[in-house]
Amino acid sequence: MRVLVANVNTTQSMTDSIAAQARQAALPDTEIVGITPRFGADSCEGNFESYLAAIAVMDAVVSYPEPFDAVIQAGYGEHGREGLQELLDVPVVDITEAAASTAMFLGHKYSVITTLDRAVPLIEDRLKLAGLDARCASVRASGMAVLELEEEPERAVEAIIEQALLAVREDKAEVIVLGCGGMAGLDEEIRKRAGVPVVDGVAAAVTIAESLVRLRLSTSKVRTYATPRPKTVIGWPITAAEVPAAP
């Protein structure tokens, strides 16, 4: 079984760490292939970057030259999973939904610990759209930017733990969800310190993707995620030169 794990940003080192976490969770006969978009932002922390990432990930996945059995979209709260489901006939698993749904097996309510505060509404909206918000106690920001997770891992762990403890104590969360693909691999240390189950979205998505493949199940093509109708699409795929520079 070959599973593509698509980073939503263009930071190759983050793709590598996400893929490494995925391999730790995967079964021995599963091949994990990390892919990095050829264009886009080096981190995704807002709506513009998120929508850009959706196009970039679709481009990266459909351009992959070899057969594959499933796709994991490794961006928490990012958009684009629905587009991939229309384009592909293999299972597509988003780490946001994988982590939240897994958390609901482990406790009454869960809290998500993410990066910057500006990402909180995006994650709340994504959980609501997925029907997973009813058992979400809170979405909290650690205050760490995505790239800082790699640059200052010790400070990142401390910031996440601080919010995790507040979520358990003040929000009555019984499970913590790591709300960023860049947090892959931090779950064990946070679990020890917070004293509750901690769900890493990448690991959860891998096990769900493997299960769907083994059950021979994939996205329904009857209605919502039917294959796109044949149309003339101008300028696809877009190039990095077409992305406006930041003011």
Foldseek 3Di string as FASTA:
>chain_A
DEEEEEELAQAVVLLVLLQVLLVVLADPPYHYHGWGFPAAHRADDADVRLVVSLLRRVVGVVPDDDDHAEYEYFWFLGDNQLVVLLADFHAYHYLNVLQLVVLVVFDQAEEEEEAAPNCQVSNCVVCVVVVRNPRHLYYHHLPHGLVVCVVPVVSSLVSSLVVLLCCCVPSVHQEYEYRGSSCRPSQVVSCVRNVHHYTYSSSSRSVVSVVCSVVVHHDDQPPSSNHDDDDDDPCPPPDNVPDDDDD
